């Protein structure tokens, strides 16, 4: 939203500059008319300070309720803005708008300028107070200047946190603009998101933003997000797939989000294949979380060999207690008895708790039995007796071994 504010504020300069066109009204005394022409010429030549001095002198001479005073003060508003004197411009705007001596169209334009300055100064509440009645008066007008005023009203509401109220004036602005600025769409989308109007946000993203600004990655992400919120999983997935394919979405979080959606759709093979591809390409840096997610995806796809390969690759560089436990369990399920014994000493020294060490010895002992290495099995179970969490199980297995030996000798 900060970016939207910056864009909106940048547009102020264009509107303020337009105030160089001054109001036409009742006839002026010839002397005053010539003085105003002189000020206009000075400002045309960008002699702002000289013009400012003459404006101030004239304001002191004229009656505040007169048309001539309002006309001179209008010149002063433009002058103050050009010299960066925002506070002075606001003071003059209050005066001109309060006496209402200028033509209605001019007062409407000045109201928009006033609203913009108030928003720029963080005075959103007063901006709404000024612009809301104005927005009703100009309903029959269809100009870019009216659209800009409606945008300003929308942004004032946004500053106040009244996101619902933002929508109506900004939608009107978008419809009125000859070519809506990016900031108008940004403000409208933000209001939709803040108020959880996901269907409207989806329509705006699909029909306007992604078409007009196809390389803006965040619009693709937002379309996927709102589609997910609407339980439109097909669009949520397709948006990420196409964005990644086109090279618009190039961050690790995009791949991870698509992987997550694949898993939710019970497409673990696609999830694992995608993640493997971007691990090889380096977009995914290969964090522990990456490898854990990939392992789980292969397991859900019933590809235990590939899951084992992932764990082995990770553990070759980075010892990890939980991954070792998972690898041993997978070896056991795959009846890889010898592999369990081969990695036993490495795994054991990385297990920190008595519980983990004891239960690991039980599994290694069981693997030794399956390999018919009964002496080794007995040794592992004897070691497991030292740990409270595995003592009972170890005694049961030792009892089993004794019965087996007696049976073989009978």
Protein backbone atom coordinates (compact mmCIF):
# COMPACT_ATOMS: atom_id res chain seq x y z
CA UNK A 1 0.00 0.00 0.00
CA UNK A 2 2.95 2.35 0.55
CA UNK A 3 3.71 2.03 -3.13
CA UNK A 4 0.11 3.00 -3.97
CA UNK A 5 0.41 6.12 -1.81
CA UNK A 6 3.59 7.11 -3.59
CA UNK A 7 1.93 6.75 -6.98
CA UNK A 8 -1.12 8.72 -5.87
CA UNK A 9 1.00 11.53 -4.46
CA UNK A 10 3.09 11.71 -7.60
CA UNK A 11 -0.10 12.46 -9.52
CA UNK A 12 -0.70 15.55 -7.40
CA UNK A 13 1.83 17.61 -9.33
CA UNK A 14 -0.12 17.22 -12.55
CA UNK A 15 -3.35 18.34 -10.96
CA UNK A 16 -1.81 21.28 -9.13
CA UNK A 17 -0.14 22.44 -12.31
CA UNK A 18 -3.56 22.51 -13.96
CA UNK A 19 -4.55 25.32 -11.60
CA UNK A 20 -2.68 27.67 -13.94
CA UNK A 21 -6.01 27.97 -15.79
CA UNK A 22 -7.91 30.52 -13.77
CA UNK A 23 -11.55 31.23 -13.24
CA UNK A 24 -13.57 33.59 -15.37
CA UNK A 25 -16.19 35.67 -13.61
CA UNK A 26 -17.42 39.25 -13.03
CA UNK A 27 -15.57 42.12 -14.66
CA UNK A 28 -12.63 43.48 -12.69
CA UNK A 29 -11.47 47.08 -12.25
CA UNK A 30 -8.88 47.81 -14.98
CA UNK A 31 -6.07 48.41 -12.47
CA UNK A 32 -6.71 45.09 -10.71
CA UNK A 33 -7.03 43.31 -14.05
CA UNK A 34 -3.59 44.61 -15.11
CA UNK A 35 -2.05 43.54 -11.79
CA UNK A 36 -3.46 40.03 -12.16
CA UNK A 37 -2.13 39.85 -15.73
CA UNK A 38 1.29 40.88 -14.44
CA UNK A 39 1.23 38.12 -11.80
CA UNK A 40 0.15 35.58 -14.40
CA UNK A 41 3.03 36.59 -16.65
CA UNK A 42 5.51 36.35 -13.76
CA UNK A 43 4.27 32.88 -12.93
CA UNK A 44 4.38 31.89 -16.57
CA UNK A 45 8.06 32.93 -16.51
CA UNK A 46 8.51 30.99 -13.25
CA UNK A 47 9.38 34.10 -11.26
CA UNK A 48 7.59 32.62 -8.30
CA UNK A 49 8.96 34.74 -5.48
CA UNK A 50 8.36 38.05 -7.27
CA UNK A 51 4.81 36.91 -8.05
CA UNK A 52 4.34 35.79 -4.44
CA UNK A 53 5.20 39.26 -3.14
CA UNK A 54 2.68 40.89 -5.46
CA UNK A 55 -0.03 38.35 -4.51
CA UNK A 56 0.48 39.01 -0.81
CA UNK A 57 0.32 42.77 -1.34
CA UNK A 58 -2.91 42.47 -3.34
CA UNK A 59 -4.54 40.18 -0.78
CA UNK A 60 -3.97 42.85 1.86
CA UNK A 61 -5.64 45.50 -0.33
CA UNK A 62 -8.73 43.54 -1.37
CA UNK A 63 -11.82 42.64 0.63
CA UNK A 64 -11.82 38.88 1.52
CA UNK A 65 -15.45 38.54 0.38
CA UNK A 66 -14.77 39.96 -3.08
CA UNK A 67 -14.46 38.09 -6.35
CA UNK A 68 -11.14 39.81 -7.04
CA UNK A 69 -9.72 38.57 -3.73
CA UNK A 70 -10.69 34.97 -4.55
CA UNK A 71 -9.15 35.28 -8.00
CA UNK A 72 -5.87 36.61 -6.60
CA UNK A 73 -5.89 33.95 -3.87
CA UNK A 74 -6.38 31.28 -6.53
CA UNK A 75 -3.21 32.55 -8.15
CA UNK A 76 -1.62 32.39 -4.70
CA UNK A 77 -2.59 28.76 -4.25
CA UNK A 78 -0.77 27.79 -7.43
CA UNK A 79 2.19 29.96 -6.46
CA UNK A 80 2.44 28.45 -2.97
CA UNK A 81 2.39 24.93 -4.36
CA UNK A 82 5.12 25.71 -6.86
CA UNK A 83 7.29 27.06 -4.03
CA UNK A 84 6.59 24.01 -1.83
CA UNK A 85 4.52 26.05 0.66
CA UNK A 86 1.83 23.45 1.27
CA UNK A 87 0.57 24.98 4.52
CA UNK A 88 0.10 28.37 2.83
CA UNK A 89 -1.74 26.72 -0.08
CA UNK A 90 -4.10 25.02 2.40
CA UNK A 91 -4.81 28.31 4.19
CA UNK A 92 -5.67 29.98 0.88
CA UNK A 93 -7.82 27.06 -0.23
CA UNK A 94 -9.86 27.27 2.96
CA UNK A 95 -10.49 30.97 2.30
CA UNK A 96 -11.47 30.56 -1.35
CA UNK A 97 -13.73 27.59 -0.69
CA UNK A 98 -15.44 29.26 2.26
CA UNK A 99 -16.45 32.47 0.43
CA UNK A 100 -17.55 30.63 -2.76
CA UNK A 101 -17.07 33.59 -5.09
CA UNK A 102 -15.51 31.61 -7.94
CA UNK A 103 -17.52 29.64 -10.54
CA UNK A 104 -18.80 26.23 -9.47
CA UNK A 105 -16.50 24.30 -11.82
CA UNK A 106 -13.47 26.15 -10.45
CA UNK A 107 -14.56 25.51 -6.86
CA UNK A 108 -15.00 21.82 -7.65
CA UNK A 109 -11.49 21.64 -9.09
CA UNK A 110 -10.07 23.44 -6.08
CA UNK A 111 -11.92 21.05 -3.77
CA UNK A 112 -10.08 18.15 -5.40
CA UNK A 113 -6.75 19.95 -4.97
CA UNK A 114 -7.62 20.65 -1.33
CA UNK A 115 -8.53 17.01 -0.76
CA UNK A 116 -5.26 15.85 -2.25
CA UNK A 117 -3.27 18.18 -0.02
CA UNK A 118 -5.17 17.02 3.06
CA UNK A 119 -4.46 13.39 2.22
CA UNK A 120 -0.83 14.23 1.62
CA UNK A 121 -0.72 15.86 5.07
CA UNK A 122 -2.41 12.86 6.71
CA UNK A 123 -5.65 14.77 7.37
CA UNK A 124 -7.87 12.07 5.88
CA UNK A 125 -10.90 12.81 8.03
CA UNK A 126 -11.21 16.38 6.75
CA UNK A 127 -10.46 15.19 3.21
CA UNK A 128 -13.50 12.89 3.38
CA UNK A 129 -15.61 15.73 4.82
CA UNK A 130 -14.68 17.90 1.82
CA UNK A 131 -14.71 15.30 -0.94
CA UNK A 132 -17.76 13.20 -0.08
CA UNK A 133 -20.28 16.02 -0.80
CA UNK A 134 -18.20 17.02 -3.82
CA UNK A 135 -18.43 13.45 -5.18
CA UNK A 136 -22.22 13.70 -5.12
CA UNK A 137 -22.22 17.07 -6.90
CA UNK A 138 -20.09 15.82 -9.79
CA UNK A 139 -21.99 12.59 -10.51
CA UNK A 140 -22.89 13.78 -13.98
CA UNK A 141 -19.32 14.76 -14.86
CA UNK A 142 -17.01 12.32 -16.61
CA UNK A 143 -13.48 13.69 -16.69
CA UNK A 144 -10.08 12.51 -15.60
CA UNK A 145 -9.99 15.31 -13.03
CA UNK A 146 -13.21 13.99 -11.43
CA UNK A 147 -11.70 10.50 -11.49
CA UNK A 148 -8.61 11.79 -9.70
CA UNK A 149 -10.81 13.40 -7.04
CA UNK A 150 -12.65 10.13 -6.52
CA UNK A 151 -9.32 8.37 -6.20
CA UNK A 152 -8.30 10.87 -3.54
CA UNK A 153 -11.54 10.23 -1.65
CA UNK A 154 -10.87 6.51 -1.85
CA UNK A 155 -7.39 6.93 -0.52
CA UNK A 156 -8.64 9.14 2.33
CA UNK A 157 -11.00 6.35 3.36
CA UNK A 158 -8.08 3.92 3.11
CA UNK A 159 -6.00 6.07 5.46
CA UNK A 160 -8.90 5.95 7.93
CA UNK A 161 -9.07 2.16 7.70
CA UNK A 162 -12.58 2.26 6.21
CA UNK A 163 -11.78 -0.19 3.44
CA UNK A 164 -15.39 -0.86 2.49
CA UNK A 165 -15.93 2.84 1.76
CA UNK A 166 -12.88 2.87 -0.52
CA UNK A 167 -14.51 0.63 -3.11
CA UNK A 168 -17.37 2.73 -4.49
CA UNK A 169 -15.45 5.95 -5.32
CA UNK A 170 -12.46 4.07 -6.72
CA UNK A 171 -14.70 1.89 -8.94
CA UNK A 172 -16.26 5.12 -10.24
CA UNK A 173 -12.79 6.53 -10.85
CA UNK A 174 -11.68 3.49 -12.83
CA UNK A 175 -14.80 3.76 -14.99
CA UNK A 176 -14.26 7.49 -15.62
CA UNK A 177 -10.57 7.53 -16.44
CA UNK A 178 -9.73 7.60 -20.15
CA UNK A 179 -6.84 5.31 -19.20
CA UNK A 180 -6.94 4.30 -15.52
CA UNK A 181 -3.55 4.68 -13.82
CA UNK A 182 -1.95 1.67 -12.22
CA UNK A 183 -2.52 3.26 -8.80
CA UNK A 184 -6.32 3.11 -9.27
CA UNK A 185 -6.25 -0.64 -9.80
CA UNK A 186 -3.83 -1.08 -6.91
CA UNK A 187 -6.06 0.82 -4.52
CA UNK A 188 -9.18 -1.06 -5.60
CA UNK A 189 -7.47 -4.44 -5.34
CA UNK A 190 -6.12 -3.59 -1.91
CA UNK A 191 -9.61 -2.63 -0.72
CA UNK A 192 -11.01 -5.92 -2.04
CA UNK A 193 -8.29 -7.87 -0.25
CA UNK A 194 -8.71 -5.98 3.01
CA UNK A 195 -12.46 -6.65 3.00
CA UNK A 196 -12.04 -10.27 1.83
CA UNK A 197 -14.05 -9.67 -1.33
CA UNK A 198 -12.13 -12.45 -3.02
CA UNK A 199 -14.53 -12.98 -5.91
CA UNK A 200 -14.27 -9.31 -6.91
CA UNK A 201 -10.49 -9.45 -6.48
CA UNK A 202 -10.29 -12.56 -8.66
CA UNK A 203 -12.30 -10.85 -11.41
CA UNK A 204 -10.15 -7.69 -11.26
CA UNK A 205 -6.95 -9.72 -11.41
CA UNK A 206 -8.08 -11.99 -14.23
CA UNK A 207 -9.79 -9.41 -16.43
CA UNK A 208 -7.58 -6.39 -15.89
CA UNK A 209 -4.39 -6.55 -13.88
CA UNK A 210 -2.75 -9.69 -15.29
CA UNK A 211 -3.75 -8.65 -18.82
CA UNK A 212 -2.49 -5.06 -18.49
CA UNK A 213 0.53 -5.84 -16.30
CA UNK A 214 1.42 -9.44 -17.22
CA UNK A 215 4.95 -9.29 -15.80
CA UNK A 216 3.88 -8.16 -12.31
CA UNK A 217 4.60 -11.32 -10.32
CA UNK A 218 2.57 -10.30 -7.28
CA UNK A 219 -0.64 -10.22 -9.32
CA UNK A 220 -0.11 -13.86 -10.27
CA UNK A 221 0.51 -14.73 -6.62
CA UNK A 222 -2.58 -12.82 -5.52
CA UNK A 223 -4.74 -14.49 -8.16
CA UNK A 224 -3.61 -17.90 -6.95
CA UNK A 225 -4.24 -16.85 -3.35
CA UNK A 226 -7.77 -15.51 -3.86
CA UNK A 227 -8.66 -18.51 -6.02
CA UNK A 228 -7.51 -20.78 -3.20
CA UNK A 229 -9.65 -18.80 -0.75
CA UNK A 230 -12.62 -19.32 -3.09
CA UNK A 231 -11.78 -23.05 -3.22
CA UNK A 232 -11.15 -22.66 -6.94
CA UNK A 233 -8.19 -25.02 -6.78
CA UNK A 234 -7.94 -25.45 -10.54
CA UNK A 235 -7.32 -21.72 -11.03
CA UNK A 236 -5.03 -21.50 -8.00
CA UNK A 237 -2.83 -24.27 -9.36
CA UNK A 238 -2.98 -23.26 -13.04
CA UNK A 239 -2.00 -19.67 -12.20
CA UNK A 240 1.16 -20.76 -10.42
CA UNK A 241 1.99 -23.35 -13.07
CA UNK A 242 1.70 -20.81 -15.90
CA UNK A 243 3.49 -18.07 -13.97
CA UNK A 244 6.42 -20.38 -13.25
CA UNK A 245 6.47 -21.71 -16.81
CA UNK A 246 6.57 -18.17 -18.24
CA UNK A 247 9.40 -17.22 -15.90
CA UNK A 248 7.30 -14.54 -14.20
CA UNK A 249 7.29 -16.33 -10.87
CA UNK A 250 10.94 -17.00 -10.11
CA UNK A 251 11.14 -17.19 -6.34
CA UNK A 252 11.48 -20.24 -4.15
CA UNK A 253 8.23 -19.37 -2.37
CA UNK A 254 6.35 -19.76 -5.66
CA UNK A 255 7.61 -23.30 -6.18
CA UNK A 256 6.94 -24.17 -2.54
CA UNK A 257 3.40 -22.85 -2.79
CA UNK A 258 2.72 -24.91 -5.90
CA UNK A 259 4.21 -27.98 -4.20
CA UNK A 260 1.89 -27.37 -1.26
CA UNK A 261 -1.14 -27.11 -3.55
CA UNK A 262 -0.18 -30.32 -5.36
CA UNK A 263 0.02 -32.12 -2.02
CA UNK A 264 -3.37 -30.76 -0.98
CA UNK A 265 -4.78 -32.03 -4.25
CA UNK A 266 -3.24 -35.42 -3.51
CA UNK A 267 -0.76 -35.14 -6.39
CA UNK A 268 2.41 -36.01 -4.45
CA UNK A 269 4.27 -37.29 -7.50
CA UNK A 270 3.87 -33.92 -9.26
CA UNK A 271 4.91 -32.16 -6.06
CA UNK A 272 8.04 -34.24 -5.69
CA UNK A 273 8.97 -34.00 -9.38
CA UNK A 274 8.60 -30.20 -9.36
CA UNK A 275 10.65 -29.82 -6.20
CA UNK A 276 13.38 -32.12 -7.49
CA UNK A 277 13.63 -30.06 -10.69
CA UNK A 278 14.14 -26.77 -8.87
CA UNK A 279 16.50 -28.24 -6.33
CA UNK A 280 18.72 -29.30 -9.23
CA UNK A 281 18.40 -25.87 -10.86
CA UNK A 282 19.28 -24.12 -7.63
CA UNK A 283 16.10 -22.06 -7.25
CA UNK A 284 15.43 -24.06 -4.10
CA UNK A 285 18.52 -23.78 -1.97
CA UNK A 286 18.18 -27.19 -0.35
CA UNK A 287 17.21 -26.25 3.17
CA UNK A 288 16.21 -28.84 5.72
CA UNK A 289 12.58 -27.89 5.11
CA UNK A 290 13.02 -28.45 1.36
CA UNK A 291 14.37 -31.96 1.91
CA UNK A 292 11.74 -32.81 4.50
CA UNK A 293 8.95 -31.71 2.17
CA UNK A 294 10.48 -33.65 -0.73
CA UNK A 295 10.88 -36.77 1.38
CA UNK A 296 7.26 -36.59 2.51
CA UNK A 297 6.09 -36.05 -1.07
CA UNK A 298 7.91 -39.16 -2.31
CA UNK A 299 6.53 -41.15 0.61
CA UNK A 300 2.99 -40.02 -0.18
CA UNK A 301 3.63 -41.05 -3.78
CA UNK A 302 4.73 -44.47 -2.42
CA UNK A 303 8.21 -43.97 -3.81
CA UNK A 304 10.21 -45.10 -0.77
CA UNK A 305 13.43 -45.62 -2.72
CA UNK A 306 13.36 -42.01 -3.89
CA UNK A 307 12.58 -40.83 -0.37
CA UNK A 308 15.57 -42.80 0.90
CA UNK A 309 17.77 -41.28 -1.78
CA UNK A 310 16.72 -37.76 -0.70
CA UNK A 311 17.54 -38.49 2.95
CA UNK A 312 20.87 -40.10 2.10
CA UNK A 313 21.91 -37.07 0.02
CA UNK A 314 21.02 -34.65 2.79
CA UNK A 315 22.66 -36.68 5.56
CA UNK A 316 25.86 -37.06 3.54
CA UNK A 317 26.50 -33.36 4.16
CA UNK A 318 24.44 -32.54 7.26
CA UNK A 319 23.86 -34.91 10.20
CA UNK A 320 20.29 -34.68 11.46
CA UNK A 321 18.75 -36.74 14.26
CA UNK A 322 15.18 -36.85 12.91
CA UNK A 323 16.31 -37.64 9.38
CA UNK A 324 18.51 -40.48 10.67
CA UNK A 325 15.54 -41.95 12.55
CA UNK A 326 13.38 -41.65 9.44
CA UNK A 327 16.05 -43.28 7.27
CA UNK A 328 16.47 -46.24 9.64
CA UNK A 329 12.71 -46.74 9.72
CA UNK A 330 12.55 -46.71 5.91
CA UNK A 331 15.42 -49.19 5.67
CA UNK A 332 13.52 -51.47 8.03
CA UNK A 333 10.28 -51.20 6.02
CA UNK A 334 12.25 -51.99 2.86
CA UNK A 335 14.00 -54.91 4.59
CA UNK A 336 17.40 -53.35 4.08
CA UNK A 337 18.83 -55.14 7.14
CA UNK A 338 22.47 -54.75 6.20
CA UNK A 339 22.10 -51.00 5.58
CA UNK A 340 20.70 -50.58 9.08
CA UNK A 341 23.74 -52.27 10.60
CA UNK A 342 26.12 -50.36 8.31
CA UNK A 343 24.93 -46.95 9.46
CA UNK A 344 24.31 -47.95 13.08
CA UNK A 345 27.39 -46.38 14.65
CA UNK A 346 26.95 -43.11 12.71
CA UNK A 347 23.29 -42.85 13.61
CA UNK A 348 23.80 -43.79 17.26
CA UNK A 349 26.32 -41.03 17.99
CA UNK A 350 23.92 -38.40 16.64
CA UNK A 351 20.98 -39.52 18.78
CA UNK A 352 20.75 -37.27 21.81
CA UNK A 353 18.05 -38.73 24.07
CA UNK A 354 18.07 -42.01 25.98
CA UNK A 355 14.71 -42.85 24.42
CA UNK A 356 16.02 -42.44 20.87
CA UNK A 357 19.19 -44.40 21.58
CA UNK A 358 17.33 -47.24 23.27
CA UNK A 359 14.69 -47.60 20.57
CA UNK A 360 17.34 -47.40 17.86
CA UNK A 361 19.18 -50.33 19.44
CA UNK A 362 15.91 -52.30 19.40
CA UNK A 363 15.46 -51.68 15.65
CA UNK A 364 19.08 -52.61 14.90
CA UNK A 365 18.66 -55.77 16.97
CA UNK A 366 15.52 -56.68 15.07
CA UNK A 367 17.35 -56.14 11.78
CA UNK A 368 20.17 -58.40 13.01
CA UNK A 369 17.63 -61.15 13.75
CA UNK A 370 16.24 -60.82 10.22
CA UNK A 371 19.82 -61.20 8.94
CA UNK A 372 20.23 -64.21 11.27
CA UNK A 373 23.08 -62.44 13.10
CA UNK A 374 21.82 -63.66 16.47
CA UNK A 375 24.93 -62.86 18.46
CA UNK A 376 24.85 -59.25 17.24
CA UNK A 377 21.14 -59.08 17.95
CA UNK A 378 21.69 -60.24 21.54
CA UNK A 379 24.43 -57.61 21.97
CA UNK A 380 22.17 -54.80 20.76
CA UNK A 381 19.33 -55.89 23.06
CA UNK A 382 21.72 -56.14 26.01
CA UNK A 383 22.76 -52.53 25.33
CA UNK A 384 19.11 -51.52 25.09
CA UNK A 385 18.52 -52.81 28.64
CA UNK A 386 20.39 -49.74 29.94
CA UNK A 387 17.62 -47.38 28.83
CA UNK A 388 14.31 -47.16 30.68
CA UNK A 389 12.23 -46.58 27.54
CA UNK A 390 13.56 -49.70 25.81
CA UNK A 391 14.31 -52.02 28.76
CA UNK A 392 11.00 -53.88 28.67
CA UNK A 393 11.10 -54.37 24.88
CA UNK A 394 14.76 -55.49 25.07
CA UNK A 395 13.92 -58.18 27.68
CA UNK A 396 11.12 -59.47 25.49
CA UNK A 397 13.46 -59.78 22.52
CA UNK A 398 16.15 -61.44 24.61
CA UNK A 399 13.53 -63.90 25.81
CA UNK A 400 12.60 -64.55 22.20
CA UNK A 401 16.24 -65.20 21.30
CA UNK A 402 16.66 -67.66 24.18
CA UNK A 403 13.56 -69.56 23.12
CA UNK A 404 14.80 -69.64 19.57
CA UNK A 405 18.22 -70.98 20.63
CA UNK A 406 16.59 -73.70 22.77
CA UNK A 407 14.32 -74.65 19.92
CA UNK A 408 17.23 -74.90 17.48
CA UNK A 409 19.18 -77.11 19.90
CA UNK A 410 16.31 -79.51 20.57
